[in-house]
């Protein structure tokens, strides 16, 4: 799949595709040094011809998945805790 950013840089700088790709990689690395890690994926998406909303959507999907997983883990732990308390109370009142 062709990268429209590579094409644009290649034409604008009058360089070949390989040189344009290396230039874009250098710019990407420089941006990543200056910006927080959370934005690195958005930089990659933008520099491969995507748009910012793709990156934001991807971040929210990941966050949603992480929250769902955490909620399930929390539910499991709450159930285990409730069962343990129930057993201890039963043992306490059986004595």
PDB file of N, CA and C in Angstrom:
ATOM      1  N   UNK A   1       0.838  -1.184   0.000  1.00  0.00           N
ATOM      2  CA  UNK A   1       0.000   0.000   0.000  1.00  0.00           C
ATOM      3  C   UNK A   1       0.880   1.244   0.000  1.00  0.00           C
ATOM      4  N   UNK A   2       0.603   2.156  -0.872  1.00  0.00           N
ATOM      5  CA  UNK A   2       1.389   3.375  -0.978  1.00  0.00           C
ATOM      6  C   UNK A   2       1.071   4.311   0.182  1.00  0.00           C
ATOM      7  N   UNK A   3       2.094   5.008   0.636  1.00  0.00           N
ATOM      8  CA  UNK A   3       1.930   5.981   1.710  1.00  0.00           C
ATOM      9  C   UNK A   3       1.835   7.370   1.075  1.00  0.00           C
ATOM     10  N   UNK A   4       0.698   8.031   1.213  1.00  0.00           N
ATOM     11  CA  UNK A   4       0.542   9.347   0.601  1.00  0.00           C
ATOM     12  C   UNK A   4       1.511  10.384   1.161  1.00  0.00           C
ATOM     13  N   UNK A   5       1.925  10.221   2.389  1.00  0.00           N
ATOM     14  CA  UNK A   5       2.881  11.162   2.997  1.00  0.00           C
ATOM     15  C   UNK A   5       4.244  11.010   2.318  1.00  0.00           C
ATOM     16  N   UNK A   6       4.661   9.771   2.091  1.00  0.00           N
ATOM     17  CA  UNK A   6       5.932   9.526   1.393  1.00  0.00           C
ATOM     18  C   UNK A   6       5.869  10.138  -0.006  1.00  0.00           C
ATOM     19  N   UNK A   7       4.760   9.921  -0.681  1.00  0.00           N
ATOM     20  CA  UNK A   7       4.599  10.491  -2.025  1.00  0.00           C
ATOM     21  C   UNK A   7       4.700  12.017  -1.992  1.00  0.00           C
ATOM     22  N   UNK A   8       4.034  12.620  -1.029  1.00  0.00           N
ATOM     23  CA  UNK A   8       4.026  14.080  -0.914  1.00  0.00           C
ATOM     24  C   UNK A   8       5.427  14.622  -0.622  1.00  0.00           C
ATOM     25  N   UNK A   9       6.131  13.997   0.316  1.00  0.00           N
ATOM     26  CA  UNK A   9       7.489  14.441   0.660  1.00  0.00           C
ATOM     27  C   UNK A   9       8.424  14.221  -0.530  1.00  0.00           C
ATOM     28  N   UNK A  10       8.293  13.092  -1.187  1.00  0.00           N
ATOM     29  CA  UNK A  10       9.131  12.781  -2.341  1.00  0.00           C
ATOM     30  C   UNK A  10       8.983  13.845  -3.431  1.00  0.00           C
ATOM     31  N   UNK A  11       7.753  14.197  -3.731  1.00  0.00           N
ATOM     32  CA  UNK A  11       7.501  15.203  -4.769  1.00  0.00           C
ATOM     33  C   UNK A  11       7.961  16.595  -4.327  1.00  0.00           C
ATOM     34  N   UNK A  12       7.633  16.971  -3.092  1.00  0.00           N
ATOM     35  CA  UNK A  12       7.954  18.310  -2.602  1.00  0.00           C
ATOM     36  C   UNK A  12       9.460  18.543  -2.504  1.00  0.00           C
ATOM     37  N   UNK A  13      10.202  17.516  -2.080  1.00  0.00           N
ATOM     38  CA  UNK A  13      11.647  17.660  -1.900  1.00  0.00           C
ATOM     39  C   UNK A  13      12.429  17.187  -3.124  1.00  0.00           C
ATOM     40  N   UNK A  14      11.709  16.675  -4.107  1.00  0.00           N
ATOM     41  CA  UNK A  14      12.334  16.159  -5.324  1.00  0.00           C
ATOM     42  C   UNK A  14      13.378  15.081  -4.987  1.00  0.00           C
ATOM     43  N   UNK A  15      12.929  14.119  -4.148  1.00  0.00           N
ATOM     44  CA  UNK A  15      13.777  12.989  -3.745  1.00  0.00           C
ATOM     45  C   UNK A  15      13.021  11.698  -4.049  1.00  0.00           C
ATOM     46  N   UNK A  16      13.741  10.562  -4.027  1.00  0.00           N
ATOM     47  CA  UNK A  16      13.063   9.296  -4.317  1.00  0.00           C
ATOM     48  C   UNK A  16      12.296   8.804  -3.079  1.00  0.00           C
ATOM     49  N   UNK A  17      11.514   7.751  -3.287  1.00  0.00           N
ATOM     50  CA  UNK A  17      10.656   7.214  -2.223  1.00  0.00           C
ATOM     51  C   UNK A  17      11.458   6.754  -1.001  1.00  0.00           C
ATOM     52  N   UNK A  18      12.585   6.113  -1.249  1.00  0.00           N
ATOM     53  CA  UNK A  18      13.412   5.627  -0.136  1.00  0.00           C
ATOM     54  C   UNK A  18      13.938   6.792   0.697  1.00  0.00           C
ATOM     55  N   UNK A  19      14.399   7.833   0.037  1.00  0.00           N
ATOM     56  CA  UNK A  19      14.896   9.006   0.754  1.00  0.00           C
ATOM     57  C   UNK A  19      13.761   9.683   1.526  1.00  0.00           C
ATOM     58  N   UNK A  20      12.601   9.758   0.905  1.00  0.00           N
ATOM     59  CA  UNK A  20      11.447  10.364   1.575  1.00  0.00           C
ATOM     60  C   UNK A  20      11.064   9.563   2.815  1.00  0.00           C
ATOM     61  N   UNK A  21      11.094   8.246   2.694  1.00  0.00           N
ATOM     62  CA  UNK A  21      10.774   7.376   3.832  1.00  0.00           C
ATOM     63  C   UNK A  21      11.760   7.611   4.974  1.00  0.00           C
ATOM     64  N   UNK A  22      13.043   7.702   4.655  1.00  0.00           N
ATOM     65  CA  UNK A  22      14.056   7.949   5.692  1.00  0.00           C
ATOM     66  C   UNK A  22      13.857   9.315   6.332  1.00  0.00           C
ATOM     67  N   UNK A  23      13.498  10.299   5.540  1.00  0.00           N
ATOM     68  CA  UNK A  23      13.249  11.644   6.078  1.00  0.00           C
ATOM     69  C   UNK A  23      12.058  11.625   7.039  1.00  0.00           C
ATOM     70  N   UNK A  24      11.003  10.931   6.635  1.00  0.00           N
ATOM     71  CA  UNK A  24       9.817  10.836   7.493  1.00  0.00           C
ATOM     72  C   UNK A  24      10.146  10.092   8.783  1.00  0.00           C
ATOM     73  N   UNK A  25      10.935   9.039   8.693  1.00  0.00           N
ATOM     74  CA  UNK A  25      11.343   8.298   9.894  1.00  0.00           C
ATOM     75  C   UNK A  25      12.152   9.190  10.832  1.00  0.00           C
ATOM     76  N   UNK A  26      13.002  10.049  10.273  1.00  0.00           N
ATOM     77  CA  UNK A  26      13.797  10.971  11.096  1.00  0.00           C
ATOM     78  C   UNK A  26      12.895  11.985  11.789  1.00  0.00           C
ATOM     79  N   UNK A  27      11.923  12.501  11.053  1.00  0.00           N
ATOM     80  CA  UNK A  27      10.981  13.459  11.649  1.00  0.00           C
ATOM     81  C   UNK A  27      10.167  12.772  12.745  1.00  0.00           C
ATOM     82  N   UNK A  28       9.729  11.555  12.477  1.00  0.00           N
ATOM     83  CA  UNK A  28       8.971  10.792  13.468  1.00  0.00           C
ATOM     84  C   UNK A  28       9.783  10.604  14.747  1.00  0.00           C
ATOM     85  N   UNK A  29      11.018  10.215  14.616  1.00  0.00           N
ATOM     86  CA  UNK A  29      11.880  10.008  15.794  1.00  0.00           C
ATOM     87  C   UNK A  29      12.068  11.307  16.568  1.00  0.00           C
ATOM     88  N   UNK A  30      12.256  12.411  15.849  1.00  0.00           N
ATOM     89  CA  UNK A  30      12.439  13.711  16.508  1.00  0.00           C
ATOM     90  C   UNK A  30      11.176  14.123  17.265  1.00  0.00           C
ATOM     91  N   UNK A  31      10.021  13.919  16.651  1.00  0.00           N
ATOM     92  CA  UNK A  31       8.760  14.253  17.318  1.00  0.00           C
ATOM     93  C   UNK A  31       8.549  13.395  18.561  1.00  0.00           C
ATOM     94  N   UNK A  32       8.871  12.118  18.445  1.00  0.00           N
ATOM     95  CA  UNK A  32       8.679  11.211  19.575  1.00  0.00           C
ATOM     96  C   UNK A  32       9.595  11.549  20.745  1.00  0.00           C
ATOM     97  N   UNK A  33      10.760  12.128  20.456  1.00  0.00           N
ATOM     98  CA  UNK A  33      11.657  12.552  21.536  1.00  0.00           C
ATOM     99  C   UNK A  33      11.061  13.728  22.304  1.00  0.00           C
ATOM    100  N   UNK A  34      10.294  14.555  21.620  1.00  0.00           N
ATOM    101  CA  UNK A  34       9.763  15.780  22.213  1.00  0.00           C
ATOM    102  C   UNK A  34       8.368  15.626  22.815  1.00  0.00           C
ATOM    103  N   UNK A  35       7.627  14.626  22.361  1.00  0.00           N
ATOM    104  CA  UNK A  35       6.243  14.468  22.790  1.00  0.00           C
ATOM    105  C   UNK A  35       6.082  13.269  23.713  1.00  0.00           C
ATOM    106  N   UNK A  36       5.051  13.287  24.551  1.00  0.00           N
ATOM    107  CA  UNK A  36       4.820  12.163  25.471  1.00  0.00           C
ATOM    108  C   UNK A  36       4.570  10.855  24.729  1.00  0.00           C
ATOM    109  N   UNK A  37       4.895   9.768  25.395  1.00  0.00           N
ATOM    110  CA  UNK A  37       4.739   8.432  24.832  1.00  0.00           C
ATOM    111  C   UNK A  37       3.312   8.180  24.336  1.00  0.00           C
ATOM    112  N   UNK A  38       2.345   8.724  25.044  1.00  0.00           N
ATOM    113  CA  UNK A  38       0.949   8.504  24.661  1.00  0.00           C
ATOM    114  C   UNK A  38       0.635   8.995  23.256  1.00  0.00           C
ATOM    115  N   UNK A  39       1.435   9.899  22.720  1.00  0.00           N
ATOM    116  CA  UNK A  39       1.188  10.436  21.388  1.00  0.00           C
ATOM    117  C   UNK A  39       1.966   9.710  20.295  1.00  0.00           C
ATOM    118  N   UNK A  40       2.857   8.819  20.654  1.00  0.00           N
ATOM    119  CA  UNK A  40       3.699   8.143  19.655  1.00  0.00           C
ATOM    120  C   UNK A  40       2.873   7.384  18.621  1.00  0.00           C
ATOM    121  N   UNK A  41       1.847   6.704  19.066  1.00  0.00           N
ATOM    122  CA  UNK A  41       1.009   5.956  18.129  1.00  0.00           C
ATOM    123  C   UNK A  41       0.294   6.906  17.159  1.00  0.00           C
ATOM    124  N   UNK A  42      -0.153   8.061  17.676  1.00  0.00           N
ATOM    125  CA  UNK A  42      -0.809   9.032  16.808  1.00  0.00           C
ATOM    126  C   UNK A  42       0.150   9.569  15.756  1.00  0.00           C
ATOM    127  N   UNK A  43       1.402   9.768  16.137  1.00  0.00           N
ATOM    128  CA  UNK A  43       2.421  10.221  15.182  1.00  0.00           C
ATOM    129  C   UNK A  43       2.565   9.185  14.068  1.00  0.00           C
ATOM    130  N   UNK A  44       2.677   7.916  14.458  1.00  0.00           N
ATOM    131  CA  UNK A  44       2.809   6.843  13.462  1.00  0.00           C
ATOM    132  C   UNK A  44       1.616   6.824  12.513  1.00  0.00           C
ATOM    133  N   UNK A  45       0.433   6.960  13.067  1.00  0.00           N
ATOM    134  CA  UNK A  45      -0.783   6.940  12.241  1.00  0.00           C
ATOM    135  C   UNK A  45      -0.788   8.117  11.264  1.00  0.00           C
ATOM    136  N   UNK A  46      -0.463   9.307  11.757  1.00  0.00           N
ATOM    137  CA  UNK A  46      -0.442  10.488  10.889  1.00  0.00           C
ATOM    138  C   UNK A  46       0.602  10.356   9.779  1.00  0.00           C
ATOM    139  N   UNK A  47       1.778   9.839  10.123  1.00  0.00           N
ATOM    140  CA  UNK A  47       2.856   9.766   9.147  1.00  0.00           C
ATOM    141  C   UNK A  47       2.737   8.579   8.190  1.00  0.00           C
ATOM    142  N   UNK A  48       1.721   7.763   8.384  1.00  0.00           N
ATOM    143  CA  UNK A  48       1.452   6.708   7.412  1.00  0.00           C
ATOM    144  C   UNK A  48       0.197   7.019   6.604  1.00  0.00           C
ATOM    145  N   UNK A  49      -0.269   8.254   6.717  1.00  0.00           N
ATOM    146  CA  UNK A  49      -1.395   8.696   5.902  1.00  0.00           C
ATOM    147  C   UNK A  49      -2.742   8.645   6.583  1.00  0.00           C
ATOM    148  N   UNK A  50      -2.764   8.241   7.846  1.00  0.00           N
ATOM    149  CA  UNK A  50      -4.027   8.213   8.593  1.00  0.00           C
ATOM    150  C   UNK A  50      -4.370   9.598   9.103  1.00  0.00           C
ATOM    151  N   UNK A  51      -5.425   9.674   9.878  1.00  0.00           N
ATOM    152  CA  UNK A  51      -5.767  10.968  10.469  1.00  0.00           C
ATOM    153  C   UNK A  51      -5.833  10.845  11.985  1.00  0.00           C
ATOM    154  N   UNK A  52      -5.847  11.966  12.644  1.00  0.00           N
ATOM    155  CA  UNK A  52      -5.780  11.989  14.100  1.00  0.00           C
ATOM    156  C   UNK A  52      -6.955  11.252  14.735  1.00  0.00           C
ATOM    157  N   UNK A  53      -8.115  11.325  14.124  1.00  0.00           N
ATOM    158  CA  UNK A  53      -9.268  10.641  14.713  1.00  0.00           C
ATOM    159  C   UNK A  53      -9.065   9.125  14.737  1.00  0.00           C
ATOM    160  N   UNK A  54      -8.317   8.576  13.762  1.00  0.00           N
ATOM    161  CA  UNK A  54      -8.008   7.143  13.792  1.00  0.00           C
ATOM    162  C   UNK A  54      -7.209   6.803  15.041  1.00  0.00           C
ATOM    163  N   UNK A  55      -6.213   7.637  15.350  1.00  0.00           N
ATOM    164  CA  UNK A  55      -5.374   7.403  16.525  1.00  0.00           C
ATOM    165  C   UNK A  55      -6.143   7.546  17.818  1.00  0.00           C
ATOM    166  N   UNK A  56      -6.987   8.562  17.886  1.00  0.00           N
ATOM    167  CA  UNK A  56      -7.786   8.781  19.090  1.00  0.00           C
ATOM    168  C   UNK A  56      -8.766   7.631  19.273  1.00  0.00           C
ATOM    169  N   UNK A  57      -9.393   7.219  18.182  1.00  0.00           N
ATOM    170  CA  UNK A  57     -10.330   6.091  18.251  1.00  0.00           C
ATOM    171  C   UNK A  57      -9.621   4.840  18.747  1.00  0.00           C
ATOM    172  N   UNK A  58      -8.419   4.603  18.235  1.00  0.00           N
ATOM    173  CA  UNK A  58      -7.642   3.434  18.642  1.00  0.00           C
ATOM    174  C   UNK A  58      -7.303   3.495  20.138  1.00  0.00           C
ATOM    175  N   UNK A  59      -6.918   4.682  20.619  1.00  0.00           N
ATOM    176  CA  UNK A  59      -6.607   4.846  22.049  1.00  0.00           C
ATOM    177  C   UNK A  59      -7.837   4.567  22.910  1.00  0.00           C
ATOM    178  N   UNK A  60      -8.996   5.096  22.506  1.00  0.00           N
ATOM    179  CA  UNK A  60     -10.208   4.875  23.274  1.00  0.00           C
ATOM    180  C   UNK A  60     -10.622   3.403  23.257  1.00  0.00           C
ATOM    181  N   UNK A  61     -10.420   2.721  22.141  1.00  0.00           N
ATOM    182  CA  UNK A  61     -10.727   1.291  22.078  1.00  0.00           C
ATOM    183  C   UNK A  61      -9.841   0.518  23.054  1.00  0.00           C
ATOM    184  N   UNK A  62      -8.562   0.861  23.086  1.00  0.00           N
ATOM    185  CA  UNK A  62      -7.634   0.204  24.009  1.00  0.00           C
ATOM    186  C   UNK A  62      -8.029   0.488  25.447  1.00  0.00           C
ATOM    187  N   UNK A  63      -8.362   1.752  25.731  1.00  0.00           N
ATOM    188  CA  UNK A  63      -8.781   2.130  27.079  1.00  0.00           C
ATOM    189  C   UNK A  63     -10.051   1.394  27.478  1.00  0.00           C
ATOM    190  N   UNK A  64     -11.007   1.306  26.568  1.00  0.00           N
ATOM    191  CA  UNK A  64     -12.257   0.596  26.826  1.00  0.00           C
ATOM    192  C   UNK A  64     -11.985  -0.868  27.151  1.00  0.00           C
ATOM    193  N   UNK A  65     -11.123  -1.494  26.349  1.00  0.00           N
ATOM    194  CA  UNK A  65     -10.773  -2.898  26.590  1.00  0.00           C
ATOM    195  C   UNK A  65     -10.106  -3.083  27.944  1.00  0.00           C
ATOM    196  N   UNK A  66      -9.190  -2.166  28.285  1.00  0.00           N
ATOM    197  CA  UNK A  66      -8.501  -2.242  29.581  1.00  0.00           C
ATOM    198  C   UNK A  66      -9.486  -2.078  30.739  1.00  0.00           C
ATOM    199  N   UNK A  67     -10.420  -1.135  30.598  1.00  0.00           N
ATOM    200  CA  UNK A  67     -11.411  -0.912  31.658  1.00  0.00           C
ATOM    201  C   UNK A  67     -12.336  -2.112  31.817  1.00  0.00           C
ATOM    202  N   UNK A  68     -12.745  -2.702  30.701  1.00  0.00           N
ATOM    203  CA  UNK A  68     -13.595  -3.892  30.775  1.00  0.00           C
ATOM    204  C   UNK A  68     -12.876  -5.042  31.467  1.00  0.00           C
ATOM    205  N   UNK A  69     -11.620  -5.221  31.126  1.00  0.00           N
ATOM    206  CA  UNK A  69     -10.826  -6.282  31.739  1.00  0.00           C
ATOM    207  C   UNK A  69     -10.665  -6.040  33.242  1.00  0.00           C
ATOM    208  N   UNK A  70     -10.381  -4.794  33.607  1.00  0.00           N
ATOM    209  CA  UNK A  70     -10.221  -4.460  35.025  1.00  0.00           C
ATOM    210  C   UNK A  70     -11.522  -4.663  35.788  1.00  0.00           C
ATOM    211  N   UNK A  71     -12.636  -4.292  35.169  1.00  0.00           N
ATOM    212  CA  UNK A  71     -13.939  -4.465  35.818  1.00  0.00           C
ATOM    213  C   UNK A  71     -14.236  -5.945  36.049  1.00  0.00           C
ATOM    214  N   UNK A  72     -13.921  -6.781  35.070  1.00  0.00           N
ATOM    215  CA  UNK A  72     -14.135  -8.221  35.226  1.00  0.00           C
ATOM    216  C   UNK A  72     -13.268  -8.777  36.348  1.00  0.00           C
ATOM    217  N   UNK A  73     -12.000  -8.340  36.390  1.00  0.00           N
ATOM    218  CA  UNK A  73     -11.098  -8.793  37.448  1.00  0.00           C
ATOM    219  C   UNK A  73     -11.608  -8.351  38.814  1.00  0.00           C
ATOM    220  N   UNK A  74     -12.073  -7.116  38.888  1.00  0.00           N
ATOM    221  CA  UNK A  74     -12.589  -6.587  40.144  1.00  0.00           C
ATOM    222  C   UNK A  74     -13.826  -7.374  40.573  1.00  0.00           C
ATOM    223  N   UNK A  75     -14.696  -7.687  39.640  1.00  0.00           N
ATOM    224  CA  UNK A  75     -15.892  -8.473  39.957  1.00  0.00           C
ATOM    225  C   UNK A  75     -15.533  -9.849  40.481  1.00  0.00           C
ATOM    226  N   UNK A  76     -14.561 -10.482  39.847  1.00  0.00           N
ATOM    227  CA  UNK A  76     -14.115 -11.804  40.289  1.00  0.00           C
ATOM    228  C   UNK A  76     -13.540 -11.733  41.700  1.00  0.00           C
ATOM    229  N   UNK A  77     -12.716 -10.730  41.953  1.00  0.00           N
ATOM    230  CA  UNK A  77     -12.102 -10.595  43.274  1.00  0.00           C
ATOM    231  C   UNK A  77     -13.144 -10.272  44.333  1.00  0.00           C
ATOM    232  N   UNK A  78     -14.143  -9.462  43.978  1.00  0.00           N
ATOM    233  CA  UNK A  78     -15.207  -9.140  44.927  1.00  0.00           C
ATOM    234  C   UNK A  78     -16.009 -10.394  45.266  1.00  0.00           C
ATOM    235  N   UNK A  79     -16.276 -11.216  44.267  1.00  0.00           N
ATOM    236  CA  UNK A  79     -17.011 -12.453  44.498  1.00  0.00           C
ATOM    237  C   UNK A  79     -16.201 -13.395  45.388  1.00  0.00           C
ATOM    238  N   UNK A  80     -14.902 -13.517  45.125  1.00  0.00           N
ATOM    239  CA  UNK A  80     -14.044 -14.372  45.951  1.00  0.00           C
ATOM    240  C   UNK A  80     -14.004 -13.869  47.391  1.00  0.00           C
ATOM    241  N   UNK A  81     -13.918 -12.557  47.561  1.00  0.00           N
ATOM    242  CA  UNK A  81     -13.891 -11.964  48.899  1.00  0.00           C
ATOM    243  C   UNK A  81     -15.197 -12.253  49.634  1.00  0.00           C
ATOM    244  N   UNK A  82     -16.317 -12.075  48.938  1.00  0.00           N
ATOM    245  CA  UNK A  82     -17.627 -12.318  49.543  1.00  0.00           C
ATOM    246  C   UNK A  82     -17.756 -13.771  49.970  1.00  0.00           C
ATOM    247  N   UNK A  83     -17.310 -14.680  49.134  1.00  0.00           N
ATOM    248  CA  UNK A  83     -17.370 -16.105  49.471  1.00  0.00           C
ATOM    249  C   UNK A  83     -16.502 -16.409  50.686  1.00  0.00           C
ATOM    250  N   UNK A  84     -15.332 -15.807  50.743  1.00  0.00           N
ATOM    251  CA  UNK A  84     -14.423 -16.040  51.878  1.00  0.00           C
ATOM    252  C   UNK A  84     -15.021 -15.493  53.169  1.00  0.00           C
ATOM    253  N   UNK A  85     -15.592 -14.310  53.118  1.00  0.00           N
ATOM    254  CA  UNK A  85     -16.231 -13.733  54.309  1.00  0.00           C
ATOM    255  C   UNK A  85     -17.400 -14.610  54.743  1.00  0.00           C
ATOM    256  N   UNK A  86     -18.170 -15.070  53.787  1.00  0.00           N
ATOM    257  CA  UNK A  86     -19.310 -15.931  54.096  1.00  0.00           C
ATOM    258  C   UNK A  86     -18.860 -17.211  54.797  1.00  0.00           C
ATOM    259  N   UNK A  87     -17.801 -17.836  54.292  1.00  0.00           N
ATOM    260  CA  UNK A  87     -17.276 -19.054  54.919  1.00  0.00           C
ATOM    261  C   UNK A  87     -16.824 -18.786  56.347  1.00  0.00           C
ATOM    262  N   UNK A  88     -16.120 -17.675  56.547  1.00  0.00           N
ATOM    263  CA  UNK A  88     -15.613 -17.362  57.884  1.00  0.00           C
ATOM    264  C   UNK A  88     -16.754 -17.065  58.849  1.00  0.00           C
ATOM    265  N   UNK A  89     -17.783 -16.373  58.368  1.00  0.00           N
ATOM    266  CA  UNK A  89     -18.926 -16.108  59.236  1.00  0.00           C
ATOM    267  C   UNK A  89     -19.650 -17.410  59.568  1.00  0.00           C
ATOM    268  N   UNK A  90     -19.808 -18.282  58.602  1.00  0.00           N
ATOM    269  CA  UNK A  90     -20.429 -19.580  58.871  1.00  0.00           C
ATOM    270  C   UNK A  90     -19.639 -20.369  59.900  1.00  0.00           C
ATOM    271  N   UNK A  91     -18.325 -20.384  59.752  1.00  0.00           N
ATOM    272  CA  UNK A  91     -17.466 -21.093  60.711  1.00  0.00           C
ATOM    273  C   UNK A  91     -17.580 -20.471  62.106  1.00  0.00           C
ATOM    274  N   UNK A  92     -17.655 -19.163  62.157  1.00  0.00           N
ATOM    275  CA  UNK A  92     -17.740 -18.453  63.424  1.00  0.00           C
ATOM    276  C   UNK A  92     -19.045 -18.815  64.157  1.00  0.00           C
ATOM    277  N   UNK A  93     -20.125 -18.850  63.441  1.00  0.00           N
ATOM    278  CA  UNK A  93     -21.417 -19.118  64.081  1.00  0.00           C
ATOM    279  C   UNK A  93     -21.681 -20.600  64.301  1.00  0.00           C
ATOM    280  N   UNK A  94     -20.919 -21.461  63.682  1.00  0.00           N
ATOM    281  CA  UNK A  94     -21.077 -22.899  63.908  1.00  0.00           C
ATOM    282  C   UNK A  94     -20.361 -23.353  65.161  1.00  0.00           C
ATOM    283  N   UNK A  95     -19.471 -22.550  65.675  1.00  0.00           N
ATOM    284  CA  UNK A  95     -18.685 -22.934  66.862  1.00  0.00           C
ATOM    285  C   UNK A  95     -19.447 -22.679  68.132  1.00  0.00           C
TER     286      UNK A  95
END
